[in-house]
Amino acid sequence: MEPIPLPSPIHYELILQLLEKQTMTSLGQNQDLRNQVNQLIITLRKAASQQKRLEETFQSSSLVIDHRWSINHFADKVDYS
């Protein structure tokens, strides 16, 4: 069986750092927008955690994970249909 492609965990970390350190700072005291960004941060943390659990399940099933850095990582294998 071929390795299972998954996003690289760094993708989550990059987006979370951007939202926490730059987006939130730029919003100033706008509480409504800060709440919306905070909800997005929570959602991304949950997604990263869920992916980690999925990876653990794959590994316990002896499936190999291939962390991808972009959708074009293996362009010849990408299905554009």
C-alpha atoms as a PDB file:
ATOM      1  CA  MET A   1       0.000   0.000   0.000  1.00  0.00           C
ATOM      2  CA  GLU A   2       1.202   3.488  -0.828  1.00  0.00           C
ATOM      3  CA  PRO A   3       1.863   6.033   1.944  1.00  0.00           C
ATOM      4  CA  ILE A   4      -1.194   7.984   3.050  1.00  0.00           C
ATOM      5  CA  PRO A   5      -0.879  11.685   2.105  1.00  0.00           C
ATOM      6  CA  LEU A   6      -1.679  14.151   4.891  1.00  0.00           C
ATOM      7  CA  PRO A   7      -0.934  17.852   5.338  1.00  0.00           C
ATOM      8  CA  SER A   8       2.327  18.556   7.074  1.00  0.00           C
ATOM      9  CA  PRO A   9       1.690  19.561  10.710  1.00  0.00           C
ATOM     10  CA  ILE A  10       3.679  22.745  10.068  1.00  0.00           C
ATOM     11  CA  HIS A  11       0.730  24.034   8.013  1.00  0.00           C
ATOM     12  CA  TYR A  12      -1.432  24.169  11.128  1.00  0.00           C
ATOM     13  CA  GLU A  13       1.339  25.756  13.168  1.00  0.00           C
ATOM     14  CA  LEU A  14       1.995  28.453  10.560  1.00  0.00           C
ATOM     15  CA  ILE A  15      -1.663  29.458  10.323  1.00  0.00           C
ATOM     16  CA  LEU A  16      -2.112  29.410  14.101  1.00  0.00           C
ATOM     17  CA  GLN A  17       0.928  31.617  14.656  1.00  0.00           C
ATOM     18  CA  LEU A  18      -0.241  34.072  12.005  1.00  0.00           C
ATOM     19  CA  LEU A  19      -3.725  34.305  13.524  1.00  0.00           C
ATOM     20  CA  GLU A  20      -2.525  34.526  17.125  1.00  0.00           C
ATOM     21  CA  LYS A  21       0.426  36.866  16.694  1.00  0.00           C
ATOM     22  CA  GLN A  22      -0.513  39.074  13.774  1.00  0.00           C
ATOM     23  CA  THR A  23      -4.241  38.927  13.064  1.00  0.00           C
ATOM     24  CA  MET A  24      -5.303  39.293  16.705  1.00  0.00           C
ATOM     25  CA  THR A  25      -2.855  42.162  17.261  1.00  0.00           C
ATOM     26  CA  SER A  26      -4.177  43.964  14.179  1.00  0.00           C
ATOM     27  CA  LEU A  27      -7.765  43.814  15.407  1.00  0.00           C
ATOM     28  CA  GLY A  28      -7.168  46.051  18.397  1.00  0.00           C
ATOM     29  CA  GLN A  29     -10.206  46.201  20.688  1.00  0.00           C
ATOM     30  CA  ASN A  30     -12.811  45.017  18.143  1.00  0.00           C
ATOM     31  CA  GLN A  31     -14.274  42.275  20.351  1.00  0.00           C
ATOM     32  CA  ASP A  32     -16.631  40.836  17.713  1.00  0.00           C
ATOM     33  CA  LEU A  33     -13.820  40.276  15.227  1.00  0.00           C
ATOM     34  CA  ARG A  34     -11.487  39.006  17.963  1.00  0.00           C
ATOM     35  CA  ASN A  35     -14.148  36.455  18.939  1.00  0.00           C
ATOM     36  CA  GLN A  36     -14.492  35.304  15.335  1.00  0.00           C
ATOM     37  CA  VAL A  37     -10.733  34.900  14.946  1.00  0.00           C
ATOM     38  CA  ASN A  38     -10.593  33.101  18.286  1.00  0.00           C
ATOM     39  CA  GLN A  39     -13.243  30.638  17.068  1.00  0.00           C
ATOM     40  CA  LEU A  40     -11.144  30.009  13.959  1.00  0.00           C
ATOM     41  CA  ILE A  41      -8.080  29.393  16.138  1.00  0.00           C
ATOM     42  CA  ILE A  42     -10.051  26.900  18.236  1.00  0.00           C
ATOM     43  CA  THR A  43     -11.264  25.124  15.092  1.00  0.00           C
ATOM     44  CA  LEU A  44      -7.736  24.874  13.705  1.00  0.00           C
ATOM     45  CA  ARG A  45      -6.416  23.510  17.003  1.00  0.00           C
ATOM     46  CA  LYS A  46      -9.162  20.885  16.948  1.00  0.00           C
ATOM     47  CA  ALA A  47      -8.286  19.989  13.333  1.00  0.00           C
ATOM     48  CA  ALA A  48      -4.597  19.638  14.185  1.00  0.00           C
ATOM     49  CA  SER A  49      -5.481  17.449  17.179  1.00  0.00           C
ATOM     50  CA  GLN A  50      -7.825  15.329  15.092  1.00  0.00           C
ATOM     51  CA  GLN A  51      -5.140  14.835  12.449  1.00  0.00           C
ATOM     52  CA  LYS A  52      -2.687  13.758  15.163  1.00  0.00           C
ATOM     53  CA  ARG A  53      -5.171  11.145  16.398  1.00  0.00           C
ATOM     54  CA  LEU A  54      -5.704   9.981  12.811  1.00  0.00           C
ATOM     55  CA  GLU A  55      -1.952   9.648  12.337  1.00  0.00           C
ATOM     56  CA  GLU A  56      -1.715   7.578  15.517  1.00  0.00           C
ATOM     57  CA  THR A  57      -4.465   5.306  14.207  1.00  0.00           C
ATOM     58  CA  PHE A  58      -2.675   4.944  10.869  1.00  0.00           C
ATOM     59  CA  GLN A  59       0.608   4.138  12.599  1.00  0.00           C
ATOM     60  CA  SER A  60      -0.988   1.566  14.901  1.00  0.00           C
ATOM     61  CA  SER A  61      -2.443  -0.026  11.734  1.00  0.00           C
ATOM     62  CA  SER A  62       1.059  -0.078  10.201  1.00  0.00           C
ATOM     63  CA  LEU A  63       0.096   2.476   7.566  1.00  0.00           C
ATOM     64  CA  VAL A  64       2.819   4.854   6.430  1.00  0.00           C
ATOM     65  CA  ILE A  65       2.090   8.587   6.406  1.00  0.00           C
ATOM     66  CA  ASP A  66       3.466  10.935   3.782  1.00  0.00           C
ATOM     67  CA  HIS A  67       3.308  14.506   5.101  1.00  0.00           C
ATOM     68  CA  ARG A  68       2.750  16.799   2.127  1.00  0.00           C
ATOM     69  CA  TRP A  69       3.967  20.356   1.874  1.00  0.00           C
ATOM     70  CA  SER A  70       1.798  21.215  -1.119  1.00  0.00           C
ATOM     71  CA  ILE A  71      -0.825  19.649  -3.343  1.00  0.00           C
ATOM     72  CA  ASN A  72       1.798  19.436  -6.098  1.00  0.00           C
ATOM     73  CA  HIS A  73       4.189  17.407  -3.931  1.00  0.00           C
ATOM     74  CA  PHE A  74       3.905  14.521  -6.387  1.00  0.00           C
ATOM     75  CA  ALA A  75       2.348  16.284  -9.361  1.00  0.00           C
ATOM     76  CA  ASP A  76       2.324  13.138 -11.487  1.00  0.00           C
ATOM     77  CA  LYS A  77       0.033  11.455  -8.922  1.00  0.00           C
ATOM     78  CA  VAL A  78      -2.409  14.330  -8.449  1.00  0.00           C
ATOM     79  CA  ASP A  79      -5.818  13.692  -9.978  1.00  0.00           C
ATOM     80  CA  TYR A  80      -7.215  16.900 -11.488  1.00  0.00           C
ATOM     81  CA  SER A  81     -10.509  15.390 -12.674  1.00  0.00           C
END
